[in-house]
Amino acid sequence: VQLEEYGGDSVQAGGSLRLSCAASGSTYSGNYCIGWFRQAPGKEREGVAIIDTNGRTNYADSVKGRFTISRDSALNIVYLQMNSLRPEDSAMYYCARTHGYWSSLPLAARAYTYWGQGTQVTVSS
């Protein structure tokens, strides 16, 4: 499974960005979880938003009401719409997918097997 992220940029606080994650190379036809994580310098990687193959979602409390995860199953693309961005949202954002399915849609990075290279988001005040 290959994951490639797009859309990172530098924006002012209060602005918006949309990240995209293109998935390829999988022959697995079962359910799985896919989503977005972020890691700022000196901090641990944290889960931001997860979506499963049924469209169920899970969000970190810090982004609820501001970020929306969605997917285009036909194109194998997962999106993260980020609104009302804050300086504390600045980080490298990674797309990740599980091997198999977790009904809890975990935000813990250790549950995810496949990772992209990341895309940088910088929010200035």
N, C-alpha and C. Protein backbone atom coordinates (compact mmCIF):
# COMPACT_ATOMS: atom_id res chain seq x y z
N VAL A 1 0.86 -1.19 0.00
CA VAL A 1 0.00 0.00 0.00
C VAL A 1 0.89 1.24 0.00
N GLN A 2 0.63 2.12 -0.95
CA GLN A 2 1.37 3.39 -0.99
C GLN A 2 0.40 4.53 -0.72
N LEU A 3 0.83 5.45 0.09
CA LEU A 3 0.03 6.61 0.44
C LEU A 3 0.84 7.87 0.12
N GLU A 4 0.22 8.81 -0.55
CA GLU A 4 0.92 10.05 -0.90
C GLU A 4 0.04 11.23 -0.55
N GLU A 5 0.59 12.14 0.24
CA GLU A 5 -0.16 13.30 0.69
C GLU A 5 0.12 14.51 -0.18
N TYR A 6 -0.89 15.37 -0.29
CA TYR A 6 -0.78 16.63 -1.04
C TYR A 6 -1.48 17.72 -0.28
N GLY A 7 -1.11 18.96 -0.58
CA GLY A 7 -1.92 20.08 -0.12
C GLY A 7 -1.35 20.89 1.03
N GLY A 8 -0.24 20.47 1.62
CA GLY A 8 0.32 21.27 2.70
C GLY A 8 0.78 22.63 2.19
N ASP A 9 0.71 23.61 3.08
CA ASP A 9 1.07 24.97 2.69
C ASP A 9 1.23 25.83 3.94
N SER A 10 1.59 27.07 3.73
CA SER A 10 1.67 28.06 4.81
C SER A 10 0.48 28.99 4.69
N VAL A 11 -0.24 29.16 5.80
CA VAL A 11 -1.44 30.01 5.79
C VAL A 11 -1.46 30.87 7.04
N GLN A 12 -2.31 31.89 7.01
CA GLN A 12 -2.53 32.73 8.18
C GLN A 12 -3.56 32.06 9.09
N ALA A 13 -3.46 32.38 10.38
CA ALA A 13 -4.46 31.89 11.33
C ALA A 13 -5.86 32.30 10.87
N GLY A 14 -6.79 31.36 11.03
CA GLY A 14 -8.15 31.59 10.56
C GLY A 14 -8.41 31.11 9.16
N GLY A 15 -7.35 30.76 8.45
CA GLY A 15 -7.48 30.30 7.08
C GLY A 15 -7.86 28.84 6.97
N SER A 16 -7.92 28.36 5.73
CA SER A 16 -8.33 26.99 5.44
C SER A 16 -7.33 26.32 4.50
N LEU A 17 -7.27 25.01 4.61
CA LEU A 17 -6.49 24.19 3.69
C LEU A 17 -7.22 22.88 3.50
N ARG A 18 -7.02 22.25 2.36
CA ARG A 18 -7.52 20.90 2.17
C ARG A 18 -6.36 19.99 1.81
N LEU A 19 -6.16 18.97 2.61
CA LEU A 19 -5.14 17.97 2.34
C LEU A 19 -5.78 16.79 1.61
N SER A 20 -4.99 16.16 0.74
CA SER A 20 -5.44 14.97 0.03
C SER A 20 -4.44 13.85 0.25
N CYS A 21 -4.96 12.63 0.30
CA CYS A 21 -4.13 11.44 0.43
C CYS A 21 -4.56 10.46 -0.63
N ALA A 22 -3.67 10.17 -1.56
CA ALA A 22 -3.96 9.22 -2.63
C ALA A 22 -3.39 7.86 -2.25
N ALA A 23 -4.24 6.85 -2.25
CA ALA A 23 -3.84 5.49 -1.89
C ALA A 23 -3.77 4.62 -3.13
N SER A 24 -2.76 3.77 -3.18
CA SER A 24 -2.61 2.87 -4.31
C SER A 24 -1.92 1.60 -3.86
N GLY A 25 -2.00 0.58 -4.72
CA GLY A 25 -1.23 -0.64 -4.50
C GLY A 25 -1.87 -1.69 -3.64
N SER A 26 -3.10 -1.47 -3.18
CA SER A 26 -3.74 -2.45 -2.31
C SER A 26 -4.67 -3.36 -3.09
N THR A 27 -4.60 -4.66 -2.80
CA THR A 27 -5.54 -5.61 -3.38
C THR A 27 -6.54 -6.10 -2.33
N TYR A 28 -6.45 -5.54 -1.13
CA TYR A 28 -7.32 -5.92 -0.02
C TYR A 28 -8.71 -5.35 -0.25
N SER A 29 -9.74 -6.19 -0.12
CA SER A 29 -11.10 -5.73 -0.41
C SER A 29 -11.95 -5.63 0.84
N GLY A 30 -11.37 -5.85 2.01
CA GLY A 30 -12.14 -5.77 3.26
C GLY A 30 -12.17 -4.37 3.82
N ASN A 31 -12.71 -4.25 5.04
CA ASN A 31 -12.79 -2.95 5.71
C ASN A 31 -11.45 -2.55 6.31
N TYR A 32 -11.24 -1.28 6.44
CA TYR A 32 -10.04 -0.76 7.08
C TYR A 32 -10.31 0.68 7.54
N CYS A 33 -9.39 1.20 8.30
CA CYS A 33 -9.43 2.59 8.74
C CYS A 33 -8.32 3.35 8.05
N ILE A 34 -8.58 4.58 7.70
CA ILE A 34 -7.57 5.44 7.09
C ILE A 34 -7.78 6.85 7.62
N GLY A 35 -6.69 7.57 7.79
CA GLY A 35 -6.87 8.90 8.33
C GLY A 35 -5.60 9.72 8.39
N TRP A 36 -5.69 10.77 9.18
CA TRP A 36 -4.64 11.77 9.26
C TRP A 36 -4.06 11.87 10.66
N PHE A 37 -2.75 11.99 10.68
CA PHE A 37 -2.01 12.21 11.90
C PHE A 37 -1.13 13.44 11.71
N ARG A 38 -0.65 13.99 12.80
CA ARG A 38 0.27 15.11 12.68
C ARG A 38 1.34 15.03 13.75
N GLN A 39 2.47 15.63 13.43
CA GLN A 39 3.58 15.64 14.37
C GLN A 39 4.32 16.96 14.27
N ALA A 40 4.33 17.69 15.37
CA ALA A 40 5.08 18.94 15.45
C ALA A 40 6.46 18.64 16.04
N PRO A 41 7.43 19.49 15.78
CA PRO A 41 8.79 19.25 16.31
C PRO A 41 8.78 19.09 17.83
N GLY A 42 9.42 18.03 18.30
CA GLY A 42 9.51 17.78 19.73
C GLY A 42 8.28 17.18 20.36
N LYS A 43 7.27 16.87 19.54
CA LYS A 43 6.03 16.31 20.08
C LYS A 43 5.78 14.94 19.48
N GLU A 44 4.93 14.18 20.16
CA GLU A 44 4.57 12.87 19.64
C GLU A 44 3.57 13.00 18.49
N ARG A 45 3.58 11.96 17.66
CA ARG A 45 2.60 11.93 16.57
C ARG A 45 1.21 11.71 17.16
N GLU A 46 0.24 12.50 16.71
CA GLU A 46 -1.12 12.39 17.25
C GLU A 46 -2.13 12.20 16.14
N GLY A 47 -3.15 11.44 16.45
CA GLY A 47 -4.23 11.24 15.50
C GLY A 47 -5.10 12.46 15.40
N VAL A 48 -5.51 12.79 14.20
CA VAL A 48 -6.33 13.98 13.95
C VAL A 48 -7.75 13.57 13.56
N ALA A 49 -7.87 12.75 12.53
CA ALA A 49 -9.18 12.35 12.03
C ALA A 49 -9.06 11.03 11.30
N ILE A 50 -10.03 10.16 11.53
CA ILE A 50 -10.05 8.82 10.94
C ILE A 50 -11.39 8.59 10.26
N ILE A 51 -11.38 7.84 9.16
CA ILE A 51 -12.60 7.43 8.49
C ILE A 51 -12.47 5.95 8.13
N ASP A 52 -13.58 5.21 8.22
CA ASP A 52 -13.50 3.82 7.82
C ASP A 52 -14.20 3.61 6.47
N THR A 53 -14.21 2.38 6.01
CA THR A 53 -14.76 2.10 4.69
C THR A 53 -16.27 2.23 4.65
N ASN A 54 -16.91 2.36 5.83
CA ASN A 54 -18.35 2.60 5.89
C ASN A 54 -18.68 4.08 6.04
N GLY A 55 -17.65 4.92 6.08
CA GLY A 55 -17.87 6.35 6.20
C GLY A 55 -17.98 6.86 7.63
N ARG A 56 -17.80 5.98 8.62
CA ARG A 56 -17.80 6.42 10.01
C ARG A 56 -16.53 7.21 10.27
N THR A 57 -16.63 8.21 11.15
CA THR A 57 -15.49 9.08 11.41
C THR A 57 -15.20 9.20 12.90
N ASN A 58 -13.98 9.58 13.19
CA ASN A 58 -13.55 9.85 14.56
C ASN A 58 -12.56 11.01 14.51
N TYR A 59 -12.71 11.96 15.43
CA TYR A 59 -11.87 13.15 15.43
C TYR A 59 -11.21 13.36 16.79
N ALA A 60 -10.03 13.93 16.77
CA ALA A 60 -9.43 14.40 18.00
C ALA A 60 -10.23 15.59 18.51
N ASP A 61 -10.33 15.71 19.83
CA ASP A 61 -11.11 16.81 20.41
C ASP A 61 -10.62 18.18 19.94
N SER A 62 -9.32 18.28 19.71
CA SER A 62 -8.73 19.57 19.35
C SER A 62 -9.15 20.08 17.98
N VAL A 63 -9.71 19.20 17.15
CA VAL A 63 -10.08 19.61 15.78
C VAL A 63 -11.57 19.49 15.50
N LYS A 64 -12.32 18.96 16.45
CA LYS A 64 -13.76 18.81 16.23
C LYS A 64 -14.41 20.15 15.92
N GLY A 65 -15.25 20.17 14.90
CA GLY A 65 -15.92 21.40 14.50
C GLY A 65 -15.11 22.26 13.55
N ARG A 66 -13.83 21.94 13.38
CA ARG A 66 -12.98 22.72 12.47
C ARG A 66 -12.49 21.88 11.28
N PHE A 67 -12.21 20.62 11.52
CA PHE A 67 -11.69 19.74 10.47
C PHE A 67 -12.77 18.73 10.06
N THR A 68 -12.75 18.37 8.78
CA THR A 68 -13.67 17.35 8.27
C THR A 68 -12.90 16.37 7.40
N ILE A 69 -13.04 15.09 7.70
CA ILE A 69 -12.42 14.06 6.88
C ILE A 69 -13.49 13.46 5.97
N SER A 70 -13.08 13.17 4.73
CA SER A 70 -14.01 12.56 3.78
C SER A 70 -13.20 11.69 2.83
N ARG A 71 -13.92 10.90 2.04
CA ARG A 71 -13.21 10.04 1.10
C ARG A 71 -13.96 9.92 -0.19
N ASP A 72 -13.21 9.73 -1.26
CA ASP A 72 -13.76 9.41 -2.57
C ASP A 72 -13.31 7.98 -2.85
N SER A 73 -14.21 7.03 -2.61
CA SER A 73 -13.84 5.62 -2.73
C SER A 73 -13.47 5.23 -4.15
N ALA A 74 -14.11 5.84 -5.11
CA ALA A 74 -13.83 5.51 -6.51
C ALA A 74 -12.41 5.91 -6.89
N LEU A 75 -11.94 7.03 -6.36
CA LEU A 75 -10.60 7.53 -6.68
C LEU A 75 -9.56 7.10 -5.66
N ASN A 76 -9.99 6.46 -4.58
CA ASN A 76 -9.08 6.08 -3.49
C ASN A 76 -8.34 7.29 -2.94
N ILE A 77 -9.08 8.35 -2.68
CA ILE A 77 -8.50 9.56 -2.11
C ILE A 77 -9.24 9.90 -0.81
N VAL A 78 -8.48 10.28 0.19
CA VAL A 78 -9.03 10.73 1.46
C VAL A 78 -8.65 12.21 1.62
N TYR A 79 -9.62 12.99 2.03
CA TYR A 79 -9.41 14.43 2.18
C TYR A 79 -9.48 14.84 3.64
N LEU A 80 -8.78 15.91 3.96
CA LEU A 80 -8.93 16.55 5.26
C LEU A 80 -9.13 18.03 5.01
N GLN A 81 -10.36 18.48 5.20
CA GLN A 81 -10.67 19.91 5.09
C GLN A 81 -10.42 20.56 6.44
N MET A 82 -9.53 21.52 6.46
CA MET A 82 -9.14 22.17 7.71
C MET A 82 -9.55 23.64 7.65
N ASN A 83 -10.45 24.03 8.53
CA ASN A 83 -10.93 25.40 8.61
C ASN A 83 -10.53 26.02 9.95
N SER A 84 -10.60 27.32 10.02
CA SER A 84 -10.29 28.05 11.26
C SER A 84 -8.95 27.59 11.83
N LEU A 85 -7.95 27.55 10.98
CA LEU A 85 -6.65 27.04 11.39
C LEU A 85 -6.01 27.94 12.44
N ARG A 86 -5.28 27.30 13.33
CA ARG A 86 -4.61 27.97 14.44
C ARG A 86 -3.11 27.68 14.36
N PRO A 87 -2.28 28.54 14.94
CA PRO A 87 -0.84 28.27 14.94
C PRO A 87 -0.49 26.89 15.52
N GLU A 88 -1.25 26.43 16.49
CA GLU A 88 -0.98 25.12 17.10
C GLU A 88 -1.32 23.96 16.17
N ASP A 89 -1.96 24.23 15.05
CA ASP A 89 -2.20 23.18 14.05
C ASP A 89 -0.97 22.95 13.17
N SER A 90 0.03 23.78 13.30
CA SER A 90 1.25 23.64 12.49
C SER A 90 1.93 22.32 12.80
N ALA A 91 2.23 21.56 11.78
CA ALA A 91 2.85 20.24 11.96
C ALA A 91 3.06 19.61 10.59
N MET A 92 3.78 18.49 10.60
CA MET A 92 3.81 17.62 9.44
C MET A 92 2.59 16.73 9.54
N TYR A 93 1.81 16.67 8.49
CA TYR A 93 0.60 15.86 8.48
C TYR A 93 0.84 14.61 7.65
N TYR A 94 0.48 13.47 8.24
CA TYR A 94 0.69 12.18 7.61
C TYR A 94 -0.64 11.47 7.39
N CYS A 95 -0.72 10.75 6.30
CA CYS A 95 -1.83 9.86 6.03
C CYS A 95 -1.40 8.46 6.43
N ALA A 96 -2.31 7.70 7.02
CA ALA A 96 -1.98 6.35 7.45
C ALA A 96 -3.20 5.44 7.31
N ARG A 97 -2.93 4.15 7.13
CA ARG A 97 -4.00 3.16 6.96
C ARG A 97 -3.70 1.93 7.80
N THR A 98 -4.76 1.33 8.30
CA THR A 98 -4.59 0.10 9.07
C THR A 98 -4.47 -1.11 8.15
N HIS A 99 -3.89 -2.17 8.71
CA HIS A 99 -3.92 -3.48 8.05
C HIS A 99 -5.03 -4.25 8.73
N GLY A 100 -6.17 -4.35 8.07
CA GLY A 100 -7.34 -4.90 8.75
C GLY A 100 -8.20 -3.78 9.32
N TYR A 101 -9.18 -4.17 10.12
CA TYR A 101 -10.18 -3.20 10.57
C TYR A 101 -10.25 -3.11 12.09
N TRP A 102 -10.37 -1.88 12.57
CA TRP A 102 -10.58 -1.61 14.00
C TRP A 102 -11.89 -0.85 14.12
N SER A 103 -12.88 -1.41 14.77
CA SER A 103 -14.19 -0.76 14.85
C SER A 103 -14.16 0.50 15.70
N SER A 104 -13.14 0.65 16.53
CA SER A 104 -13.04 1.84 17.37
C SER A 104 -12.48 3.04 16.62
N LEU A 105 -12.05 2.84 15.38
CA LEU A 105 -11.42 3.91 14.58
C LEU A 105 -10.36 4.62 15.43
N PRO A 106 -9.33 3.89 15.80
CA PRO A 106 -8.37 4.42 16.77
C PRO A 106 -7.60 5.64 16.27
N LEU A 107 -7.29 6.53 17.20
CA LEU A 107 -6.45 7.69 16.91
C LEU A 107 -5.00 7.42 17.29
N ALA A 108 -4.73 6.23 17.81
CA ALA A 108 -3.37 5.89 18.21
C ALA A 108 -2.55 5.45 17.00
N ALA A 109 -1.40 6.04 16.83
CA ALA A 109 -0.56 5.78 15.66
C ALA A 109 -0.13 4.31 15.58
N ARG A 110 -0.01 3.64 16.71
CA ARG A 110 0.49 2.26 16.70
C ARG A 110 -0.47 1.30 16.02
N ALA A 111 -1.71 1.70 15.81
CA ALA A 111 -2.70 0.84 15.15
C ALA A 111 -2.55 0.85 13.64
N TYR A 112 -1.72 1.73 13.11
CA TYR A 112 -1.63 1.94 11.66
C TYR A 112 -0.34 1.38 11.10
N THR A 113 -0.49 0.66 9.98
CA THR A 113 0.62 -0.05 9.39
C THR A 113 1.27 0.70 8.24
N TYR A 114 0.46 1.36 7.44
CA TYR A 114 0.96 2.00 6.22
C TYR A 114 0.94 3.51 6.40
N TRP A 115 2.03 4.14 5.99
CA TRP A 115 2.20 5.58 6.21
C TRP A 115 2.72 6.27 4.95
N GLY A 116 2.25 7.51 4.76
CA GLY A 116 2.81 8.34 3.71
C GLY A 116 4.02 9.11 4.23
N GLN A 117 4.60 9.93 3.36
CA GLN A 117 5.81 10.68 3.71
C GLN A 117 5.51 11.99 4.41
N GLY A 118 4.28 12.46 4.34
CA GLY A 118 3.89 13.66 5.05
C GLY A 118 3.87 14.90 4.18
N THR A 119 3.10 15.88 4.63
CA THR A 119 3.02 17.18 3.98
C THR A 119 2.97 18.24 5.08
N GLN A 120 3.72 19.31 4.89
CA GLN A 120 3.89 20.31 5.95
C GLN A 120 2.77 21.35 5.93
N VAL A 121 2.22 21.60 7.10
CA VAL A 121 1.23 22.67 7.29
C VAL A 121 1.81 23.65 8.30
N THR A 122 1.87 24.92 7.91
CA THR A 122 2.37 25.96 8.80
C THR A 122 1.32 27.06 8.89
N VAL A 123 0.92 27.38 10.11
CA VAL A 123 -0.09 28.40 10.35
C VAL A 123 0.56 29.53 11.14
N SER A 124 0.56 30.72 10.58
CA SER A 124 1.18 31.85 11.24
C SER A 124 0.12 32.74 11.87
N SER A 125 0.49 33.38 12.96
CA SER A 125 -0.47 34.22 13.69
C SER A 125 -0.45 35.65 13.18
